[in-house]
C-alpha atoms as a PDB file:
ATOM      1  CA  MET A   1       0.134   7.846  29.296  1.00  0.00           C
ATOM      2  CA  TYR A   2      -1.215   5.923  25.579  1.00  0.00           C
ATOM      3  CA  ALA A   3       1.271   3.782  23.160  1.00  0.00           C
ATOM      4  CA  ILE A   4       1.156   3.397  19.287  1.00  0.00           C
ATOM      5  CA  VAL A   5      -0.409  -0.255  18.653  1.00  0.00           C
ATOM      6  CA  ASP A   6      -0.614  -1.995  15.372  1.00  0.00           C
ATOM      7  CA  ILE A   7      -3.554  -3.400  15.421  1.00  0.00           C
ATOM      8  CA  ALA A   8      -4.508  -5.343  12.156  1.00  0.00           C
ATOM      9  CA  GLY A   9      -2.579  -3.616  10.237  1.00  0.00           C
ATOM     10  CA  GLN A  10      -3.785   0.033  11.069  1.00  0.00           C
ATOM     11  CA  GLN A  11      -1.627   1.665  13.836  1.00  0.00           C
ATOM     12  CA  PHE A  12      -3.805   3.483  16.093  1.00  0.00           C
ATOM     13  CA  LYS A  13      -3.293   5.596  19.213  1.00  0.00           C
ATOM     14  CA  VAL A  14      -4.955   4.410  21.979  1.00  0.00           C
ATOM     15  CA  SER A  15      -4.916   5.310  25.913  1.00  0.00           C
ATOM     16  CA  LYS A  16      -6.462   2.890  28.997  1.00  0.00           C
ATOM     17  CA  ASP A  17     -10.447   2.764  28.724  1.00  0.00           C
ATOM     18  CA  GLN A  18     -10.952   4.325  25.449  1.00  0.00           C
ATOM     19  CA  LYS A  19     -12.478   2.774  22.862  1.00  0.00           C
ATOM     20  CA  VAL A  20     -11.179   1.966  19.126  1.00  0.00           C
ATOM     21  CA  TYR A  21     -13.259   0.805  15.926  1.00  0.00           C
ATOM     22  CA  VAL A  22     -10.918  -1.823  14.028  1.00  0.00           C
ATOM     23  CA  HIS A  23     -11.408  -3.825  11.721  1.00  0.00           C
ATOM     24  CA  ARG A  24     -12.491  -6.971  12.388  1.00  0.00           C
ATOM     25  CA  LEU A  25     -10.825  -9.585  14.884  1.00  0.00           C
ATOM     26  CA  GLU A  26     -11.368 -13.330  14.721  1.00  0.00           C
ATOM     27  CA  ALA A  27     -12.725 -13.006  18.826  1.00  0.00           C
ATOM     28  CA  GLU A  28     -15.711 -13.462  20.066  1.00  0.00           C
ATOM     29  CA  GLU A  29     -17.491 -11.053  22.066  1.00  0.00           C
ATOM     30  CA  GLY A  30     -17.028 -10.608  25.176  1.00  0.00           C
ATOM     31  CA  THR A  31     -13.280 -12.002  25.374  1.00  0.00           C
ATOM     32  CA  ASN A  32     -10.171 -10.893  25.837  1.00  0.00           C
ATOM     33  CA  VAL A  33      -7.199 -10.042  23.440  1.00  0.00           C
ATOM     34  CA  GLU A  34      -3.406  -8.912  23.566  1.00  0.00           C
ATOM     35  CA  PHE A  35      -1.977  -6.899  20.705  1.00  0.00           C
ATOM     36  CA  ASN A  36       2.111  -7.407  21.236  1.00  0.00           C
ATOM     37  CA  GLU A  37       3.441  -5.079  17.845  1.00  0.00           C
ATOM     38  CA  VAL A  38       3.650  -1.409  20.163  1.00  0.00           C
ATOM     39  CA  LEU A  39       4.876   0.592  18.188  1.00  0.00           C
ATOM     40  CA  LEU A  40       5.767   3.790  21.656  1.00  0.00           C
ATOM     41  CA  ALA A  41       4.809   4.445  24.774  1.00  0.00           C
ATOM     42  CA  ASP A  42       4.835   6.977  26.660  1.00  0.00           C
ATOM     43  CA  GLU A  43       4.264   6.608  30.613  1.00  0.00           C
ATOM     44  CA  ASP A  44       3.957  10.649  32.012  1.00  0.00           C
ATOM     45  CA  GLY A  45       6.531  12.589  29.780  1.00  0.00           C
ATOM     46  CA  ASN A  46       9.242   9.260  29.545  1.00  0.00           C
ATOM     47  CA  VAL A  47       8.595   8.372  25.931  1.00  0.00           C
ATOM     48  CA  LYS A  48      10.069   4.822  24.425  1.00  0.00           C
ATOM     49  CA  VAL A  49      10.517   4.280  21.118  1.00  0.00           C
ATOM     50  CA  GLY A  50      10.610   0.309  19.835  1.00  0.00           C
ATOM     51  CA  THR A  51      12.993  -0.303  16.507  1.00  0.00           C
ATOM     52  CA  PRO A  52      10.816  -1.393  15.350  1.00  0.00           C
ATOM     53  CA  ASN A  53       8.907  -3.068  18.447  1.00  0.00           C
ATOM     54  CA  LEU A  54       9.185  -2.397  22.254  1.00  0.00           C
ATOM     55  CA  ASN A  55      10.371  -5.203  23.366  1.00  0.00           C
ATOM     56  CA  GLY A  56       7.754  -7.593  26.056  1.00  0.00           C
ATOM     57  CA  ALA A  57       5.735  -4.405  25.722  1.00  0.00           C
ATOM     58  CA  LYS A  58       1.929  -5.407  24.904  1.00  0.00           C
ATOM     59  CA  VAL A  59      -1.704  -4.124  24.947  1.00  0.00           C
ATOM     60  CA  THR A  60      -4.553  -5.890  26.146  1.00  0.00           C
ATOM     61  CA  ALA A  61      -8.260  -4.926  25.031  1.00  0.00           C
ATOM     62  CA  LYS A  62     -11.377  -6.765  25.470  1.00  0.00           C
ATOM     63  CA  VAL A  63     -13.660  -7.273  22.105  1.00  0.00           C
ATOM     64  CA  LEU A  64     -17.394  -5.139  23.059  1.00  0.00           C
ATOM     65  CA  THR A  65     -18.857  -5.603  19.726  1.00  0.00           C
ATOM     66  CA  HIS A  66     -18.893  -6.618  16.233  1.00  0.00           C
ATOM     67  CA  LEU A  67     -20.840  -4.896  13.504  1.00  0.00           C
ATOM     68  CA  ARG A  68     -20.908  -3.289  10.358  1.00  0.00           C
ATOM     69  CA  GLY A  69     -20.253   0.258   9.691  1.00  0.00           C
ATOM     70  CA  ASP A  70     -21.935   3.445   7.379  1.00  0.00           C
ATOM     71  CA  LYS A  71     -22.535   2.792   3.720  1.00  0.00           C
ATOM     72  CA  VAL A  72     -19.899   3.702   1.272  1.00  0.00           C
ATOM     73  CA  LEU A  73     -21.142   5.427  -1.876  1.00  0.00           C
ATOM     74  CA  VAL A  74     -18.560   4.271  -5.448  1.00  0.00           C
ATOM     75  CA  PHE A  75     -19.236   6.044  -7.763  1.00  0.00           C
ATOM     76  CA  LYS A  76     -18.218   6.069 -11.151  1.00  0.00           C
ATOM     77  CA  LYS A  77     -18.766   7.629 -14.725  1.00  0.00           C
ATOM     78  CA  LYS A  78     -17.450   8.895 -18.485  1.00  0.00           C
ATOM     79  CA  ARG A  79     -19.063  11.967 -19.464  1.00  0.00           C
ATOM     80  CA  ARG A  80     -19.967  11.337 -23.165  1.00  0.00           C
ATOM     81  CA  LYS A  81     -20.320   7.922 -22.766  1.00  0.00           C
ATOM     82  CA  GLY A  82     -23.206   6.603 -21.131  1.00  0.00           C
ATOM     83  CA  TYR A  83     -21.233   4.801 -18.876  1.00  0.00           C
ATOM     84  CA  GLN A  84     -21.745   5.121 -14.872  1.00  0.00           C
ATOM     85  CA  LYS A  85     -21.767   2.480 -11.676  1.00  0.00           C
ATOM     86  CA  CYS A  86     -23.172   2.763  -8.445  1.00  0.00           C
ATOM     87  CA  ASN A  87     -21.547   0.814  -5.651  1.00  0.00           C
ATOM     88  CA  GLY A  88     -22.230   0.629  -2.166  1.00  0.00           C
ATOM     89  CA  HIS A  89     -20.195  -0.903   0.966  1.00  0.00           C
ATOM     90  CA  ARG A  90     -20.021  -1.730   4.496  1.00  0.00           C
ATOM     91  CA  GLN A  91     -17.311  -2.898   6.136  1.00  0.00           C
ATOM     92  CA  TYR A  92     -16.757  -4.918   9.175  1.00  0.00           C
ATOM     93  CA  LEU A  93     -15.671  -3.622  12.078  1.00  0.00           C
ATOM     94  CA  THR A  94     -15.006  -4.834  15.776  1.00  0.00           C
ATOM     95  CA  GLN A  95     -14.914  -2.400  18.688  1.00  0.00           C
ATOM     96  CA  ILE A  96     -12.848  -2.664  21.733  1.00  0.00           C
ATOM     97  CA  GLN A  97     -11.867  -1.266  24.789  1.00  0.00           C
ATOM     98  CA  ILE A  98      -8.091  -1.156  25.932  1.00  0.00           C
ATOM     99  CA  GLU A  99      -7.695  -2.609  29.727  1.00  0.00           C
ATOM    100  CA  GLN A 100      -4.262  -2.806  30.313  1.00  0.00           C
ATOM    101  CA  ILE A 101      -0.994  -1.603  28.643  1.00  0.00           C
ATOM    102  CA  SER A 102       2.108  -2.550  29.774  1.00  0.00           C
ATOM    103  CA  LEU A 103       5.272  -2.048  29.549  1.00  0.00           C
END
């Protein structure tokens, strides 16, 4: 069984006991969160598609930890002009574990 759910503006294909990195959520570590925007659900080959969301479907997850992602370097250059600029960025992430998918 799996579901496609909208979490913090991104869509993820999740299944039970799966660990997922998502954008930082406003929840403390160890708490449970619910996501009601389930777009699609598959239960043993029986696919249900929402228009746009499934009514009554929700995904519950447990917040494991808050962390920062790997550094991404953004390098800009204009040739023959002497212009170079280098910036770094680390995204704030939350690791969650999917506890239950209910339809």
